[in-house]
């Protein structure tokens, strides 16, 4: 069952949202990442991101961007 306070999205939709959000921030435009489906956590999350390449001065901003998206979206397991 999906939590009503989060929007259901496919892996591709989440990947697109993260890519666009990172690209809007000047320090995060070169961040390389992957979205991974995970078992549901107590907080309701069922996906995570692995950052594969990020400049040291962009790490905080990239983490904040991803955190905001994780709070807003959950993986639509029915998709």
PDB file of N, CA and C in Angstrom:
ATOM      1  N   UNK A   1       0.839  -1.184   0.000  1.00  0.00           N
ATOM      2  CA  UNK A   1       0.000   0.000   0.000  1.00  0.00           C
ATOM      3  C   UNK A   1       0.889   1.254   0.000  1.00  0.00           C
ATOM      4  N   UNK A   2       0.549   2.194  -0.857  1.00  0.00           N
ATOM      5  CA  UNK A   2       1.328   3.416  -0.971  1.00  0.00           C
ATOM      6  C   UNK A   2       0.906   4.404   0.109  1.00  0.00           C
ATOM      7  N   UNK A   3       1.855   5.173   0.588  1.00  0.00           N
ATOM      8  CA  UNK A   3       1.548   6.222   1.567  1.00  0.00           C
ATOM      9  C   UNK A   3       0.927   7.398   0.824  1.00  0.00           C
ATOM     10  N   UNK A   4      -0.161   7.913   1.343  1.00  0.00           N
ATOM     11  CA  UNK A   4      -0.907   8.955   0.640  1.00  0.00           C
ATOM     12  C   UNK A   4      -0.158  10.281   0.537  1.00  0.00           C
ATOM     13  N   UNK A   5       0.855  10.487   1.371  1.00  0.00           N
ATOM     14  CA  UNK A   5       1.556  11.765   1.334  1.00  0.00           C
ATOM     15  C   UNK A   5       2.680  11.784   0.300  1.00  0.00           C
ATOM     16  N   UNK A   6       2.904  10.679  -0.369  1.00  0.00           N
ATOM     17  CA  UNK A   6       3.925  10.622  -1.416  1.00  0.00           C
ATOM     18  C   UNK A   6       3.265  10.321  -2.753  1.00  0.00           C
ATOM     19  N   UNK A   7       3.861  10.816  -3.805  1.00  0.00           N
ATOM     20  CA  UNK A   7       3.368  10.573  -5.148  1.00  0.00           C
ATOM     21  C   UNK A   7       4.034   9.317  -5.704  1.00  0.00           C
ATOM     22  N   UNK A   8       3.229   8.411  -6.250  1.00  0.00           N
ATOM     23  CA  UNK A   8       3.769   7.200  -6.865  1.00  0.00           C
ATOM     24  C   UNK A   8       4.405   7.550  -8.208  1.00  0.00           C
ATOM     25  N   UNK A   9       5.561   6.958  -8.482  1.00  0.00           N
ATOM     26  CA  UNK A   9       6.265   7.207  -9.738  1.00  0.00           C
ATOM     27  C   UNK A   9       7.058   5.966 -10.114  1.00  0.00           C
ATOM     28  N   UNK A  10       7.293   5.784 -11.400  1.00  0.00           N
ATOM     29  CA  UNK A  10       8.121   4.675 -11.868  1.00  0.00           C
ATOM     30  C   UNK A  10       9.595   5.021 -11.660  1.00  0.00           C
ATOM     31  N   UNK A  11      10.461   4.025 -11.787  1.00  0.00           N
ATOM     32  CA  UNK A  11      11.904   4.289 -11.690  1.00  0.00           C
ATOM     33  C   UNK A  11      12.330   5.338 -12.711  1.00  0.00           C
ATOM     34  N   UNK A  12      11.812   5.242 -13.932  1.00  0.00           N
ATOM     35  CA  UNK A  12      12.178   6.213 -14.967  1.00  0.00           C
ATOM     36  C   UNK A  12      11.711   7.624 -14.604  1.00  0.00           C
ATOM     37  N   UNK A  13      10.507   7.739 -14.041  1.00  0.00           N
ATOM     38  CA  UNK A  13      10.013   9.059 -13.646  1.00  0.00           C
ATOM     39  C   UNK A  13      10.855   9.648 -12.521  1.00  0.00           C
ATOM     40  N   UNK A  14      11.207   8.831 -11.546  1.00  0.00           N
ATOM     41  CA  UNK A  14      12.056   9.317 -10.448  1.00  0.00           C
ATOM     42  C   UNK A  14      13.428   9.706 -10.982  1.00  0.00           C
ATOM     43  N   UNK A  15      13.999   8.872 -11.835  1.00  0.00           N
ATOM     44  CA  UNK A  15      15.310   9.163 -12.438  1.00  0.00           C
ATOM     45  C   UNK A  15      15.275  10.500 -13.179  1.00  0.00           C
ATOM     46  N   UNK A  16      14.203  10.741 -13.927  1.00  0.00           N
ATOM     47  CA  UNK A  16      14.068  11.990 -14.676  1.00  0.00           C
ATOM     48  C   UNK A  16      13.959  13.182 -13.733  1.00  0.00           C
ATOM     49  N   UNK A  17      13.165  13.054 -12.675  1.00  0.00           N
ATOM     50  CA  UNK A  17      13.006  14.145 -11.722  1.00  0.00           C
ATOM     51  C   UNK A  17      14.330  14.477 -11.036  1.00  0.00           C
ATOM     52  N   UNK A  18      15.066  13.446 -10.626  1.00  0.00           N
ATOM     53  CA  UNK A  18      16.368  13.667  -9.982  1.00  0.00           C
ATOM     54  C   UNK A  18      17.330  14.330 -10.965  1.00  0.00           C
ATOM     55  N   UNK A  19      17.381  13.831 -12.189  1.00  0.00           N
ATOM     56  CA  UNK A  19      18.296  14.401 -13.190  1.00  0.00           C
ATOM     57  C   UNK A  19      17.992  15.868 -13.442  1.00  0.00           C
ATOM     58  N   UNK A  20      16.718  16.211 -13.601  1.00  0.00           N
ATOM     59  CA  UNK A  20      16.346  17.612 -13.846  1.00  0.00           C
ATOM     60  C   UNK A  20      16.662  18.493 -12.641  1.00  0.00           C
ATOM     61  N   UNK A  21      16.372  17.997 -11.438  1.00  0.00           N
ATOM     62  CA  UNK A  21      16.639  18.780 -10.233  1.00  0.00           C
ATOM     63  C   UNK A  21      18.141  19.020 -10.064  1.00  0.00           C
ATOM     64  N   UNK A  22      18.947  17.989 -10.281  1.00  0.00           N
ATOM     65  CA  UNK A  22      20.399  18.157 -10.164  1.00  0.00           C
ATOM     66  C   UNK A  22      20.923  19.115 -11.234  1.00  0.00           C
ATOM     67  N   UNK A  23      20.400  19.000 -12.433  1.00  0.00           N
ATOM     68  CA  UNK A  23      20.881  19.848 -13.526  1.00  0.00           C
ATOM     69  C   UNK A  23      20.571  21.331 -13.280  1.00  0.00           C
ATOM     70  N   UNK A  24      19.500  21.617 -12.553  1.00  0.00           N
ATOM     71  CA  UNK A  24      19.146  23.025 -12.261  1.00  0.00           C
ATOM     72  C   UNK A  24      20.137  23.683 -11.298  1.00  0.00           C
ATOM     73  N   UNK A  25      20.868  22.886 -10.528  1.00  0.00           N
ATOM     74  CA  UNK A  25      21.820  23.470  -9.574  1.00  0.00           C
ATOM     75  C   UNK A  25      23.201  23.504 -10.235  1.00  0.00           C
ATOM     76  N   UNK A  26      23.833  24.669 -10.320  1.00  0.00           N
ATOM     77  CA  UNK A  26      25.117  24.801 -11.027  1.00  0.00           C
ATOM     78  C   UNK A  26      26.209  23.847 -10.535  1.00  0.00           C
ATOM     79  N   UNK A  27      26.263  23.558  -9.242  1.00  0.00           N
ATOM     80  CA  UNK A  27      27.306  22.666  -8.729  1.00  0.00           C
ATOM     81  C   UNK A  27      27.011  21.190  -8.991  1.00  0.00           C
ATOM     82  N   UNK A  28      25.758  20.862  -9.289  1.00  0.00           N
ATOM     83  CA  UNK A  28      25.349  19.457  -9.377  1.00  0.00           C
ATOM     84  C   UNK A  28      25.142  18.954 -10.799  1.00  0.00           C
ATOM     85  N   UNK A  29      25.464  19.742 -11.773  1.00  0.00           N
ATOM     86  CA  UNK A  29      25.190  19.363 -13.165  1.00  0.00           C
ATOM     87  C   UNK A  29      25.964  18.142 -13.638  1.00  0.00           C
ATOM     88  N   UNK A  30      27.102  17.854 -13.039  1.00  0.00           N
ATOM     89  CA  UNK A  30      27.902  16.712 -13.469  1.00  0.00           C
ATOM     90  C   UNK A  30      27.757  15.497 -12.557  1.00  0.00           C
ATOM     91  N   UNK A  31      26.801  15.519 -11.654  1.00  0.00           N
ATOM     92  CA  UNK A  31      26.590  14.389 -10.736  1.00  0.00           C
ATOM     93  C   UNK A  31      26.084  13.183 -11.530  1.00  0.00           C
ATOM     94  N   UNK A  32      26.714  12.031 -11.296  1.00  0.00           N
ATOM     95  CA  UNK A  32      26.285  10.764 -11.900  1.00  0.00           C
ATOM     96  C   UNK A  32      25.641   9.935 -10.808  1.00  0.00           C
ATOM     97  N   UNK A  33      24.492   9.321 -11.105  1.00  0.00           N
ATOM     98  CA  UNK A  33      23.748   8.597 -10.083  1.00  0.00           C
ATOM     99  C   UNK A  33      22.974   7.432 -10.694  1.00  0.00           C
ATOM    100  N   UNK A  34      22.465   6.579  -9.834  1.00  0.00           N
ATOM    101  CA  UNK A  34      21.581   5.488 -10.241  1.00  0.00           C
ATOM    102  C   UNK A  34      20.473   5.381  -9.206  1.00  0.00           C
ATOM    103  N   UNK A  35      19.257   5.134  -9.664  1.00  0.00           N
ATOM    104  CA  UNK A  35      18.106   4.924  -8.785  1.00  0.00           C
ATOM    105  C   UNK A  35      17.933   3.421  -8.621  1.00  0.00           C
ATOM    106  N   UNK A  36      17.749   2.985  -7.374  1.00  0.00           N
ATOM    107  CA  UNK A  36      17.651   1.563  -7.072  1.00  0.00           C
ATOM    108  C   UNK A  36      16.398   1.293  -6.247  1.00  0.00           C
ATOM    109  N   UNK A  37      15.634   0.297  -6.668  1.00  0.00           N
ATOM    110  CA  UNK A  37      14.477  -0.151  -5.897  1.00  0.00           C
ATOM    111  C   UNK A  37      14.974  -0.889  -4.660  1.00  0.00           C
ATOM    112  N   UNK A  38      14.342  -0.633  -3.499  1.00  0.00           N
ATOM    113  CA  UNK A  38      14.744  -1.275  -2.246  1.00  0.00           C
ATOM    114  C   UNK A  38      13.494  -1.770  -1.514  1.00  0.00           C
ATOM    115  N   UNK A  39      13.663  -2.655  -0.530  1.00  0.00           N
ATOM    116  CA  UNK A  39      12.518  -3.014   0.307  1.00  0.00           C
ATOM    117  C   UNK A  39      12.021  -1.772   1.054  1.00  0.00           C
ATOM    118  N   UNK A  40      10.751  -1.736   1.340  1.00  0.00           N
ATOM    119  CA  UNK A  40      10.163  -0.577   2.024  1.00  0.00           C
ATOM    120  C   UNK A  40      10.774  -0.409   3.413  1.00  0.00           C
ATOM    121  N   UNK A  41      11.083   0.825   3.757  1.00  0.00           N
ATOM    122  CA  UNK A  41      11.635   1.147   5.071  1.00  0.00           C
ATOM    123  C   UNK A  41      10.515   1.562   6.015  1.00  0.00           C
ATOM    124  N   UNK A  42      10.844   1.738   7.278  1.00  0.00           N
ATOM    125  CA  UNK A  42       9.852   2.212   8.253  1.00  0.00           C
ATOM    126  C   UNK A  42       9.314   3.589   7.902  1.00  0.00           C
ATOM    127  N   UNK A  43      10.149   4.380   7.248  1.00  0.00           N
ATOM    128  CA  UNK A  43       9.723   5.731   6.846  1.00  0.00           C
ATOM    129  C   UNK A  43       8.904   5.698   5.559  1.00  0.00           C
ATOM    130  N   UNK A  44       8.718   4.524   4.973  1.00  0.00           N
ATOM    131  CA  UNK A  44       7.890   4.401   3.783  1.00  0.00           C
ATOM    132  C   UNK A  44       8.646   4.425   2.470  1.00  0.00           C
ATOM    133  N   UNK A  45       9.945   4.653   2.504  1.00  0.00           N
ATOM    134  CA  UNK A  45      10.713   4.701   1.265  1.00  0.00           C
ATOM    135  C   UNK A  45      10.913   3.328   0.666  1.00  0.00           C
ATOM    136  N   UNK A  46      10.910   3.259  -0.652  1.00  0.00           N
ATOM    137  CA  UNK A  46      11.164   1.993  -1.316  1.00  0.00           C
ATOM    138  C   UNK A  46      12.101   2.152  -2.516  1.00  0.00           C
ATOM    139  N   UNK A  47      12.894   3.214  -2.473  1.00  0.00           N
ATOM    140  CA  UNK A  47      13.945   3.399  -3.470  1.00  0.00           C
ATOM    141  C   UNK A  47      15.043   4.235  -2.847  1.00  0.00           C
ATOM    142  N   UNK A  48      16.211   4.124  -3.429  1.00  0.00           N
ATOM    143  CA  UNK A  48      17.338   4.925  -2.966  1.00  0.00           C
ATOM    144  C   UNK A  48      18.155   5.342  -4.179  1.00  0.00           C
ATOM    145  N   UNK A  49      19.100   6.175  -3.925  1.00  0.00           N
ATOM    146  CA  UNK A  49      19.973   6.649  -4.998  1.00  0.00           C
ATOM    147  C   UNK A  49      21.412   6.361  -4.617  1.00  0.00           C
ATOM    148  N   UNK A  50      22.186   5.938  -5.575  1.00  0.00           N
ATOM    149  CA  UNK A  50      23.623   5.807  -5.367  1.00  0.00           C
ATOM    150  C   UNK A  50      24.285   6.885  -6.227  1.00  0.00           C
ATOM    151  N   UNK A  51      25.048   7.723  -5.574  1.00  0.00           N
ATOM    152  CA  UNK A  51      25.776   8.771  -6.295  1.00  0.00           C
ATOM    153  C   UNK A  51      27.134   8.202  -6.653  1.00  0.00           C
ATOM    154  N   UNK A  52      27.403   8.130  -7.945  1.00  0.00           N
ATOM    155  CA  UNK A  52      28.626   7.499  -8.432  1.00  0.00           C
ATOM    156  C   UNK A  52      29.729   8.503  -8.721  1.00  0.00           C
ATOM    157  N   UNK A  53      29.356   9.742  -8.941  1.00  0.00           N
ATOM    158  CA  UNK A  53      30.349  10.762  -9.237  1.00  0.00           C
ATOM    159  C   UNK A  53      29.791  12.119  -8.829  1.00  0.00           C
ATOM    160  N   UNK A  54      30.481  12.771  -7.907  1.00  0.00           N
ATOM    161  CA  UNK A  54      30.056  14.093  -7.460  1.00  0.00           C
ATOM    162  C   UNK A  54      31.283  14.860  -6.967  1.00  0.00           C
ATOM    163  N   UNK A  55      31.355  16.119  -7.348  1.00  0.00           N
ATOM    164  CA  UNK A  55      32.448  16.963  -6.873  1.00  0.00           C
ATOM    165  C   UNK A  55      32.260  17.223  -5.382  1.00  0.00           C
ATOM    166  N   UNK A  56      33.350  17.322  -4.629  1.00  0.00           N
ATOM    167  CA  UNK A  56      33.239  17.551  -3.186  1.00  0.00           C
ATOM    168  C   UNK A  56      32.393  18.770  -2.819  1.00  0.00           C
ATOM    169  N   UNK A  57      32.482  19.838  -3.588  1.00  0.00           N
ATOM    170  CA  UNK A  57      31.713  21.039  -3.265  1.00  0.00           C
ATOM    171  C   UNK A  57      30.230  20.919  -3.630  1.00  0.00           C
ATOM    172  N   UNK A  58      29.842  19.836  -4.304  1.00  0.00           N
ATOM    173  CA  UNK A  58      28.445  19.631  -4.683  1.00  0.00           C
ATOM    174  C   UNK A  58      27.757  18.565  -3.838  1.00  0.00           C
ATOM    175  N   UNK A  59      28.509  17.884  -2.983  1.00  0.00           N
ATOM    176  CA  UNK A  59      27.952  16.755  -2.231  1.00  0.00           C
ATOM    177  C   UNK A  59      26.770  17.162  -1.361  1.00  0.00           C
ATOM    178  N   UNK A  60      26.896  18.244  -0.609  1.00  0.00           N
ATOM    179  CA  UNK A  60      25.814  18.676   0.278  1.00  0.00           C
ATOM    180  C   UNK A  60      24.559  19.022  -0.526  1.00  0.00           C
ATOM    181  N   UNK A  61      24.720  19.805  -1.582  1.00  0.00           N
ATOM    182  CA  UNK A  61      23.578  20.214  -2.389  1.00  0.00           C
ATOM    183  C   UNK A  61      22.908  19.015  -3.042  1.00  0.00           C
ATOM    184  N   UNK A  62      23.697  18.098  -3.595  1.00  0.00           N
ATOM    185  CA  UNK A  62      23.141  16.908  -4.239  1.00  0.00           C
ATOM    186  C   UNK A  62      22.369  16.060  -3.230  1.00  0.00           C
ATOM    187  N   UNK A  63      22.905  15.914  -2.039  1.00  0.00           N
ATOM    188  CA  UNK A  63      22.230  15.143  -0.994  1.00  0.00           C
ATOM    189  C   UNK A  63      20.905  15.783  -0.605  1.00  0.00           C
ATOM    190  N   UNK A  64      20.871  17.100  -0.488  1.00  0.00           N
ATOM    191  CA  UNK A  64      19.645  17.815  -0.144  1.00  0.00           C
ATOM    192  C   UNK A  64      18.588  17.669  -1.238  1.00  0.00           C
ATOM    193  N   UNK A  65      19.005  17.768  -2.481  1.00  0.00           N
ATOM    194  CA  UNK A  65      18.085  17.625  -3.615  1.00  0.00           C
ATOM    195  C   UNK A  65      17.465  16.233  -3.604  1.00  0.00           C
ATOM    196  N   UNK A  66      18.301  15.213  -3.445  1.00  0.00           N
ATOM    197  CA  UNK A  66      17.815  13.830  -3.430  1.00  0.00           C
ATOM    198  C   UNK A  66      16.883  13.608  -2.243  1.00  0.00           C
ATOM    199  N   UNK A  67      17.233  14.130  -1.091  1.00  0.00           N
ATOM    200  CA  UNK A  67      16.407  13.970   0.100  1.00  0.00           C
ATOM    201  C   UNK A  67      15.013  14.562  -0.117  1.00  0.00           C
ATOM    202  N   UNK A  68      14.946  15.727  -0.712  1.00  0.00           N
ATOM    203  CA  UNK A  68      13.656  16.358  -0.993  1.00  0.00           C
ATOM    204  C   UNK A  68      12.803  15.496  -1.923  1.00  0.00           C
ATOM    205  N   UNK A  69      13.428  14.923  -2.928  1.00  0.00           N
ATOM    206  CA  UNK A  69      12.693  14.081  -3.872  1.00  0.00           C
ATOM    207  C   UNK A  69      12.259  12.784  -3.198  1.00  0.00           C
ATOM    208  N   UNK A  70      13.104  12.221  -2.341  1.00  0.00           N
ATOM    209  CA  UNK A  70      12.733  11.002  -1.631  1.00  0.00           C
ATOM    210  C   UNK A  70      11.542  11.234  -0.714  1.00  0.00           C
ATOM    211  N   UNK A  71      11.421  12.419  -0.153  1.00  0.00           N
ATOM    212  CA  UNK A  71      10.280  12.735   0.706  1.00  0.00           C
ATOM    213  C   UNK A  71       8.990  12.894  -0.098  1.00  0.00           C
ATOM    214  N   UNK A  72       9.101  13.211  -1.369  1.00  0.00           N
ATOM    215  CA  UNK A  72       7.924  13.489  -2.189  1.00  0.00           C
ATOM    216  C   UNK A  72       7.437  12.300  -3.023  1.00  0.00           C
ATOM    217  N   UNK A  73       8.338  11.377  -3.360  1.00  0.00           N
ATOM    218  CA  UNK A  73       7.979  10.297  -4.283  1.00  0.00           C
ATOM    219  C   UNK A  73       8.290   8.929  -3.703  1.00  0.00           C
ATOM    220  N   UNK A  74       7.436   7.962  -4.063  1.00  0.00           N
ATOM    221  CA  UNK A  74       7.740   6.581  -3.760  1.00  0.00           C
ATOM    222  C   UNK A  74       7.565   5.778  -5.044  1.00  0.00           C
ATOM    223  N   UNK A  75       8.291   4.696  -5.117  1.00  0.00           N
ATOM    224  CA  UNK A  75       8.269   3.857  -6.303  1.00  0.00           C
ATOM    225  C   UNK A  75       6.917   3.174  -6.417  1.00  0.00           C
ATOM    226  N   UNK A  76       6.330   3.303  -7.577  1.00  0.00           N
ATOM    227  CA  UNK A  76       5.049   2.652  -7.861  1.00  0.00           C
ATOM    228  C   UNK A  76       5.345   1.208  -8.226  1.00  0.00           C
ATOM    229  N   UNK A  77       5.150   0.306  -7.270  1.00  0.00           N
ATOM    230  CA  UNK A  77       5.494  -1.097  -7.492  1.00  0.00           C
ATOM    231  C   UNK A  77       4.528  -1.782  -8.452  1.00  0.00           C
ATOM    232  N   UNK A  78       3.387  -1.175  -8.730  1.00  0.00           N
ATOM    233  CA  UNK A  78       2.426  -1.759  -9.651  1.00  0.00           C
ATOM    234  C   UNK A  78       2.775  -1.440 -11.095  1.00  0.00           C
ATOM    235  N   UNK A  79       3.664  -0.485 -11.302  1.00  0.00           N
ATOM    236  CA  UNK A  79       4.012  -0.064 -12.674  1.00  0.00           C
ATOM    237  C   UNK A  79       4.932  -1.061 -13.350  1.00  0.00           C
TER     238      UNK A  79
END
